[in-house]
Amino acid sequence: MKKKKITANSMQEATIQIRQQLGKDAVILNSKTVVKRKLFGLKKQQMVEVIAVLDQDFEEKSW
Protein backbone atom coordinates (compact mmCIF):
# COMPACT_ATOMS: atom_id res chain seq x y z
CA MET A 1 0.00 0.00 0.00
CA LYS A 2 1.38 3.38 -1.04
CA LYS A 3 0.53 6.40 1.10
CA LYS A 4 1.10 9.97 -0.02
CA LYS A 5 0.57 13.40 1.59
CA ILE A 6 0.05 16.25 -0.87
CA THR A 7 -0.12 19.97 -0.07
CA ALA A 8 -1.56 22.19 -2.80
CA ASN A 9 -3.25 25.54 -3.34
CA SER A 10 -6.66 23.96 -4.04
CA MET A 11 -8.45 20.62 -3.79
CA GLN A 12 -8.55 20.38 -7.58
CA GLU A 13 -4.78 20.83 -7.82
CA ALA A 14 -4.22 18.26 -5.07
CA THR A 15 -6.45 15.73 -6.85
CA ILE A 16 -4.51 16.20 -10.10
CA GLN A 17 -1.21 15.63 -8.29
CA ILE A 18 -2.57 12.49 -6.60
CA ARG A 19 -3.78 11.05 -9.90
CA GLN A 20 -0.38 11.75 -11.49
CA GLN A 21 1.64 10.23 -8.64
CA LEU A 22 -0.57 7.32 -7.53
CA GLY A 23 -2.86 6.70 -10.49
CA LYS A 24 -6.59 6.82 -11.12
CA ASP A 25 -7.37 4.11 -8.53
CA ALA A 26 -6.03 6.16 -5.60
CA VAL A 27 -8.39 6.82 -2.70
CA ILE A 28 -8.43 10.06 -0.67
CA LEU A 29 -8.49 9.26 3.05
CA ASN A 30 -8.41 12.73 4.55
CA SER A 31 -8.28 16.37 3.53
CA LYS A 32 -7.96 19.54 5.57
CA THR A 33 -7.18 23.21 5.18
CA VAL A 34 -3.82 24.27 6.57
CA VAL A 35 -2.08 27.63 6.88
CA LYS A 36 1.44 27.84 5.51
CA ARG A 37 3.60 30.69 6.73
CA LYS A 38 6.11 32.41 4.48
CA LEU A 39 8.65 35.16 5.00
CA PHE A 40 9.39 34.37 8.64
CA GLY A 41 5.72 34.00 9.49
CA LEU A 42 4.70 37.42 8.18
CA LYS A 43 2.72 36.12 5.20
CA LYS A 44 0.09 33.40 5.55
CA GLN A 45 -1.38 31.27 2.78
CA GLN A 46 -4.28 28.82 3.07
CA MET A 47 -3.59 25.49 1.40
CA VAL A 48 -5.19 22.06 1.23
CA GLU A 49 -3.45 18.99 2.68
CA VAL A 50 -4.66 15.66 1.29
CA ILE A 51 -3.70 12.12 2.32
CA ALA A 52 -4.30 9.45 -0.31
CA VAL A 53 -3.48 5.75 -0.65
CA LEU A 54 -3.19 3.22 -3.43
CA ASP A 55 -3.61 -0.45 -2.59
CA GLN A 56 -1.08 -2.23 -4.80
CA ASP A 57 -2.57 -5.63 -3.97
CA PHE A 58 -5.89 -4.44 -5.38
CA GLU A 59 -4.30 -3.82 -8.79
CA GLU A 60 -2.86 -7.33 -8.93
CA LYS A 61 -6.15 -9.11 -8.26
CA SER A 62 -8.12 -10.17 -11.30
CA TRP A 63 -11.84 -9.91 -10.80
PDB file of N, CA and C in Angstrom:
ATOM      1  N   MET A   1       0.842  -1.169   0.000  1.00  0.00           N
ATOM      2  CA  MET A   1       0.000   0.000   0.000  1.00  0.00           C
ATOM      3  C   MET A   1       0.889   1.233   0.000  1.00  0.00           C
ATOM      4  N   LYS A   2       0.658   2.114  -0.958  1.00  0.00           N
ATOM      5  CA  LYS A   2       1.380   3.379  -1.036  1.00  0.00           C
ATOM      6  C   LYS A   2       0.548   4.464  -0.378  1.00  0.00           C
ATOM      7  N   LYS A   3       1.202   5.286   0.425  1.00  0.00           N
ATOM      8  CA  LYS A   3       0.527   6.397   1.101  1.00  0.00           C
ATOM      9  C   LYS A   3       1.255   7.679   0.726  1.00  0.00           C
ATOM     10  N   LYS A   4       0.500   8.726   0.433  1.00  0.00           N
ATOM     11  CA  LYS A   4       1.101   9.974  -0.015  1.00  0.00           C
ATOM     12  C   LYS A   4       0.378  11.157   0.608  1.00  0.00           C
ATOM     13  N   LYS A   5       1.140  12.150   1.072  1.00  0.00           N
ATOM     14  CA  LYS A   5       0.570  13.397   1.587  1.00  0.00           C
ATOM     15  C   LYS A   5       0.915  14.506   0.595  1.00  0.00           C
ATOM     16  N   ILE A   6      -0.111  15.191   0.121  1.00  0.00           N
ATOM     17  CA  ILE A   6       0.051  16.251  -0.866  1.00  0.00           C
ATOM     18  C   ILE A   6      -0.443  17.560  -0.261  1.00  0.00           C
ATOM     19  N   THR A   7       0.317  18.631  -0.453  1.00  0.00           N
ATOM     20  CA  THR A   7      -0.123  19.969  -0.068  1.00  0.00           C
ATOM     21  C   THR A   7      -0.191  20.803  -1.341  1.00  0.00           C
ATOM     22  N   ALA A   8      -1.353  21.419  -1.576  1.00  0.00           N
ATOM     23  CA  ALA A   8      -1.564  22.189  -2.803  1.00  0.00           C
ATOM     24  C   ALA A   8      -2.400  23.427  -2.503  1.00  0.00           C
ATOM     25  N   ASN A   9      -2.490  24.305  -3.500  1.00  0.00           N
ATOM     26  CA  ASN A   9      -3.252  25.543  -3.339  1.00  0.00           C
ATOM     27  C   ASN A   9      -4.757  25.311  -3.327  1.00  0.00           C
ATOM     28  N   SER A  10      -5.230  24.245  -3.982  1.00  0.00           N
ATOM     29  CA  SER A  10      -6.663  23.960  -4.037  1.00  0.00           C
ATOM     30  C   SER A  10      -6.879  22.449  -4.052  1.00  0.00           C
ATOM     31  N   MET A  11      -8.114  22.041  -3.774  1.00  0.00           N
ATOM     32  CA  MET A  11      -8.453  20.620  -3.787  1.00  0.00           C
ATOM     33  C   MET A  11      -8.309  20.048  -5.196  1.00  0.00           C
ATOM     34  N   GLN A  12      -8.671  20.825  -6.192  1.00  0.00           N
ATOM     35  CA  GLN A  12      -8.551  20.375  -7.576  1.00  0.00           C
ATOM     36  C   GLN A  12      -7.089  20.111  -7.937  1.00  0.00           C
ATOM     37  N   GLU A  13      -6.202  21.002  -7.552  1.00  0.00           N
ATOM     38  CA  GLU A  13      -4.775  20.835  -7.818  1.00  0.00           C
ATOM     39  C   GLU A  13      -4.224  19.612  -7.076  1.00  0.00           C
ATOM     40  N   ALA A  14      -4.658  19.415  -5.846  1.00  0.00           N
ATOM     41  CA  ALA A  14      -4.216  18.256  -5.068  1.00  0.00           C
ATOM     42  C   ALA A  14      -4.677  16.954  -5.719  1.00  0.00           C
ATOM     43  N   THR A  15      -5.918  16.928  -6.200  1.00  0.00           N
ATOM     44  CA  THR A  15      -6.447  15.732  -6.855  1.00  0.00           C
ATOM     45  C   THR A  15      -5.660  15.410  -8.118  1.00  0.00           C
ATOM     46  N   ILE A  16      -5.307  16.413  -8.884  1.00  0.00           N
ATOM     47  CA  ILE A  16      -4.512  16.202 -10.096  1.00  0.00           C
ATOM     48  C   ILE A  16      -3.156  15.607  -9.742  1.00  0.00           C
ATOM     49  N   GLN A  17      -2.512  16.145  -8.707  1.00  0.00           N
ATOM     50  CA  GLN A  17      -1.207  15.627  -8.289  1.00  0.00           C
ATOM     51  C   GLN A  17      -1.308  14.184  -7.814  1.00  0.00           C
ATOM     52  N   ILE A  18      -2.377  13.857  -7.082  1.00  0.00           N
ATOM     53  CA  ILE A  18      -2.569  12.490  -6.596  1.00  0.00           C
ATOM     54  C   ILE A  18      -2.735  11.531  -7.761  1.00  0.00           C
ATOM     55  N   ARG A  19      -3.549  11.904  -8.736  1.00  0.00           N
ATOM     56  CA  ARG A  19      -3.777  11.046  -9.905  1.00  0.00           C
ATOM     57  C   ARG A  19      -2.484  10.836 -10.688  1.00  0.00           C
ATOM     58  N   GLN A  20      -1.651  11.874 -10.781  1.00  0.00           N
ATOM     59  CA  GLN A  20      -0.380  11.755 -11.490  1.00  0.00           C
ATOM     60  C   GLN A  20       0.598  10.848 -10.745  1.00  0.00           C
ATOM     61  N   GLN A  21       0.641  10.959  -9.424  1.00  0.00           N
ATOM     62  CA  GLN A  21       1.635  10.232  -8.641  1.00  0.00           C
ATOM     63  C   GLN A  21       1.201   8.825  -8.264  1.00  0.00           C
ATOM     64  N   LEU A  22      -0.092   8.625  -7.986  1.00  0.00           N
ATOM     65  CA  LEU A  22      -0.569   7.318  -7.530  1.00  0.00           C
ATOM     66  C   LEU A  22      -1.435   6.594  -8.557  1.00  0.00           C
ATOM     67  N   GLY A  23      -2.008   7.321  -9.489  1.00  0.00           N
ATOM     68  CA  GLY A  23      -2.859   6.696 -10.494  1.00  0.00           C
ATOM     69  C   GLY A  23      -4.330   6.959 -10.241  1.00  0.00           C
ATOM     70  N   LYS A  24      -5.158   6.521 -11.184  1.00  0.00           N
ATOM     71  CA  LYS A  24      -6.592   6.819 -11.123  1.00  0.00           C
ATOM     72  C   LYS A  24      -7.328   6.014 -10.062  1.00  0.00           C
ATOM     73  N   ASP A  25      -6.728   4.952  -9.543  1.00  0.00           N
ATOM     74  CA  ASP A  25      -7.373   4.114  -8.533  1.00  0.00           C
ATOM     75  C   ASP A  25      -7.065   4.549  -7.102  1.00  0.00           C
ATOM     76  N   ALA A  26      -6.364   5.659  -6.937  1.00  0.00           N
ATOM     77  CA  ALA A  26      -6.030   6.155  -5.596  1.00  0.00           C
ATOM     78  C   ALA A  26      -7.292   6.603  -4.863  1.00  0.00           C
ATOM     79  N   VAL A  27      -7.259   6.460  -3.542  1.00  0.00           N
ATOM     80  CA  VAL A  27      -8.394   6.822  -2.698  1.00  0.00           C
ATOM     81  C   VAL A  27      -7.944   7.898  -1.713  1.00  0.00           C
ATOM     82  N   ILE A  28      -8.724   8.980  -1.615  1.00  0.00           N
ATOM     83  CA  ILE A  28      -8.428  10.057  -0.670  1.00  0.00           C
ATOM     84  C   ILE A  28      -8.976   9.669   0.697  1.00  0.00           C
ATOM     85  N   LEU A  29      -8.097   9.620   1.690  1.00  0.00           N
ATOM     86  CA  LEU A  29      -8.495   9.258   3.050  1.00  0.00           C
ATOM     87  C   LEU A  29      -8.896  10.463   3.884  1.00  0.00           C
ATOM     88  N   ASN A  30      -8.176  11.568   3.700  1.00  0.00           N
ATOM     89  CA  ASN A  30      -8.406  12.734   4.548  1.00  0.00           C
ATOM     90  C   ASN A  30      -7.994  13.991   3.798  1.00  0.00           C
ATOM     91  N   SER A  31      -8.689  15.068   4.064  1.00  0.00           N
ATOM     92  CA  SER A  31      -8.285  16.370   3.532  1.00  0.00           C
ATOM     93  C   SER A  31      -8.595  17.434   4.575  1.00  0.00           C
ATOM     94  N   LYS A  32      -7.728  18.440   4.633  1.00  0.00           N
ATOM     95  CA  LYS A  32      -7.956  19.538   5.568  1.00  0.00           C
ATOM     96  C   LYS A  32      -7.279  20.795   5.046  1.00  0.00           C
ATOM     97  N   THR A  33      -7.762  21.926   5.529  1.00  0.00           N
ATOM     98  CA  THR A  33      -7.181  23.214   5.182  1.00  0.00           C
ATOM     99  C   THR A  33      -6.097  23.538   6.202  1.00  0.00           C
ATOM    100  N   VAL A  34      -4.937  23.915   5.702  1.00  0.00           N
ATOM    101  CA  VAL A  34      -3.817  24.272   6.572  1.00  0.00           C
ATOM    102  C   VAL A  34      -3.335  25.671   6.204  1.00  0.00           C
ATOM    103  N   VAL A  35      -2.642  26.307   7.124  1.00  0.00           N
ATOM    104  CA  VAL A  35      -2.077  27.632   6.882  1.00  0.00           C
ATOM    105  C   VAL A  35      -0.564  27.490   6.816  1.00  0.00           C
ATOM    106  N   LYS A  36      -0.007  27.856   5.678  1.00  0.00           N
ATOM    107  CA  LYS A  36       1.442  27.843   5.512  1.00  0.00           C
ATOM    108  C   LYS A  36       1.954  29.257   5.719  1.00  0.00           C
ATOM    109  N   ARG A  37       3.022  29.373   6.458  1.00  0.00           N
ATOM    110  CA  ARG A  37       3.601  30.689   6.733  1.00  0.00           C
ATOM    111  C   ARG A  37       4.848  30.874   5.871  1.00  0.00           C
ATOM    112  N   LYS A  38       4.958  32.063   5.310  1.00  0.00           N
ATOM    113  CA  LYS A  38       6.111  32.405   4.483  1.00  0.00           C
ATOM    114  C   LYS A  38       6.740  33.683   5.022  1.00  0.00           C
ATOM    115  N   LEU A  39       7.932  33.948   4.602  1.00  0.00           N
ATOM    116  CA  LEU A  39       8.653  35.161   5.000  1.00  0.00           C
ATOM    117  C   LEU A  39       8.681  35.339   6.511  1.00  0.00           C
ATOM    118  N   PHE A  40       9.222  34.342   7.188  1.00  0.00           N
ATOM    119  CA  PHE A  40       9.395  34.370   8.637  1.00  0.00           C
ATOM    120  C   PHE A  40       8.078  34.520   9.388  1.00  0.00           C
ATOM    121  N   GLY A  41       7.011  33.977   8.831  1.00  0.00           N
ATOM    122  CA  GLY A  41       5.718  34.004   9.485  1.00  0.00           C
ATOM    123  C   GLY A  41       4.907  35.259   9.251  1.00  0.00           C
ATOM    124  N   LEU A  42       5.417  36.166   8.429  1.00  0.00           N
ATOM    125  CA  LEU A  42       4.699  37.416   8.180  1.00  0.00           C
ATOM    126  C   LEU A  42       3.564  37.243   7.173  1.00  0.00           C
ATOM    127  N   LYS A  43       3.737  36.335   6.229  1.00  0.00           N
ATOM    128  CA  LYS A  43       2.724  36.124   5.199  1.00  0.00           C
ATOM    129  C   LYS A  43       2.115  34.737   5.385  1.00  0.00           C
ATOM    130  N   LYS A  44       0.788  34.670   5.372  1.00  0.00           N
ATOM    131  CA  LYS A  44       0.090  33.399   5.548  1.00  0.00           C
ATOM    132  C   LYS A  44      -0.638  33.041   4.259  1.00  0.00           C
ATOM    133  N   GLN A  45      -0.680  31.742   3.966  1.00  0.00           N
ATOM    134  CA  GLN A  45      -1.382  31.267   2.781  1.00  0.00           C
ATOM    135  C   GLN A  45      -2.171  30.019   3.147  1.00  0.00           C
ATOM    136  N   GLN A  46      -3.462  30.006   2.825  1.00  0.00           N
ATOM    137  CA  GLN A  46      -4.280  28.823   3.069  1.00  0.00           C
ATOM    138  C   GLN A  46      -4.045  27.812   1.957  1.00  0.00           C
ATOM    139  N   MET A  47      -3.823  26.565   2.347  1.00  0.00           N
ATOM    140  CA  MET A  47      -3.594  25.488   1.398  1.00  0.00           C
ATOM    141  C   MET A  47      -4.407  24.273   1.826  1.00  0.00           C
ATOM    142  N   VAL A  48      -4.471  23.294   0.954  1.00  0.00           N
ATOM    143  CA  VAL A  48      -5.189  22.055   1.228  1.00  0.00           C
ATOM    144  C   VAL A  48      -4.168  20.938   1.386  1.00  0.00           C
ATOM    145  N   GLU A  49      -4.309  20.150   2.443  1.00  0.00           N
ATOM    146  CA  GLU A  49      -3.451  18.991   2.679  1.00  0.00           C
ATOM    147  C   GLU A  49      -4.310  17.739   2.508  1.00  0.00           C
ATOM    148  N   VAL A  50      -3.884  16.848   1.614  1.00  0.00           N
ATOM    149  CA  VAL A  50      -4.661  15.656   1.288  1.00  0.00           C
ATOM    150  C   VAL A  50      -3.799  14.425   1.511  1.00  0.00           C
ATOM    151  N   ILE A  51      -4.367  13.410   2.152  1.00  0.00           N
ATOM    152  CA  ILE A  51      -3.701  12.123   2.321  1.00  0.00           C
ATOM    153  C   ILE A  51      -4.448  11.110   1.465  1.00  0.00           C
ATOM    154  N   ALA A  52      -3.701  10.426   0.594  1.00  0.00           N
ATOM    155  CA  ALA A  52      -4.305   9.448  -0.308  1.00  0.00           C
ATOM    156  C   ALA A  52      -3.493   8.163  -0.281  1.00  0.00           C
ATOM    157  N   VAL A  53      -4.150   7.051  -0.607  1.00  0.00           N
ATOM    158  CA  VAL A  53      -3.480   5.752  -0.650  1.00  0.00           C
ATOM    159  C   VAL A  53      -3.829   5.034  -1.946  1.00  0.00           C
ATOM    160  N   LEU A  54      -2.957   4.112  -2.302  1.00  0.00           N
ATOM    161  CA  LEU A  54      -3.192   3.223  -3.427  1.00  0.00           C
ATOM    162  C   LEU A  54      -2.850   1.822  -2.956  1.00  0.00           C
ATOM    163  N   ASP A  55      -3.819   0.934  -3.004  1.00  0.00           N
ATOM    164  CA  ASP A  55      -3.613  -0.451  -2.591  1.00  0.00           C
ATOM    165  C   ASP A  55      -3.028  -1.220  -3.767  1.00  0.00           C
ATOM    166  N   GLN A  56      -1.746  -1.538  -3.705  1.00  0.00           N
ATOM    167  CA  GLN A  56      -1.080  -2.228  -4.803  1.00  0.00           C
ATOM    168  C   GLN A  56      -1.600  -3.647  -4.966  1.00  0.00           C
ATOM    169  N   ASP A  57      -2.020  -4.285  -3.886  1.00  0.00           N
ATOM    170  CA  ASP A  57      -2.566  -5.634  -3.973  1.00  0.00           C
ATOM    171  C   ASP A  57      -3.869  -5.635  -4.752  1.00  0.00           C
ATOM    172  N   PHE A  58      -4.622  -4.555  -4.665  1.00  0.00           N
ATOM    173  CA  PHE A  58      -5.889  -4.442  -5.378  1.00  0.00           C
ATOM    174  C   PHE A  58      -5.667  -4.484  -6.884  1.00  0.00           C
ATOM    175  N   GLU A  59      -4.596  -3.843  -7.362  1.00  0.00           N
ATOM    176  CA  GLU A  59      -4.296  -3.816  -8.790  1.00  0.00           C
ATOM    177  C   GLU A  59      -3.948  -5.204  -9.316  1.00  0.00           C
ATOM    178  N   GLU A  60      -3.318  -6.021  -8.486  1.00  0.00           N
ATOM    179  CA  GLU A  60      -2.857  -7.328  -8.932  1.00  0.00           C
ATOM    180  C   GLU A  60      -3.976  -8.362  -8.989  1.00  0.00           C
ATOM    181  N   LYS A  61      -5.049  -8.153  -8.261  1.00  0.00           N
ATOM    182  CA  LYS A  61      -6.152  -9.109  -8.256  1.00  0.00           C
ATOM    183  C   LYS A  61      -6.914  -9.028  -9.567  1.00  0.00           C
ATOM    184  N   SER A  62      -7.300 -10.160 -10.094  1.00  0.00           N
ATOM    185  CA  SER A  62      -8.123 -10.172 -11.304  1.00  0.00           C
ATOM    186  C   SER A  62      -9.538 -10.543 -10.910  1.00  0.00           C
ATOM    187  N   TRP A  63     -10.455  -9.689 -11.183  1.00  0.00           N
ATOM    188  CA  TRP A  63     -11.839  -9.907 -10.802  1.00  0.00           C
ATOM    189  C   TRP A  63     -12.493 -10.580 -11.931  1.00  0.00           C
TER     190      TRP A  63
END
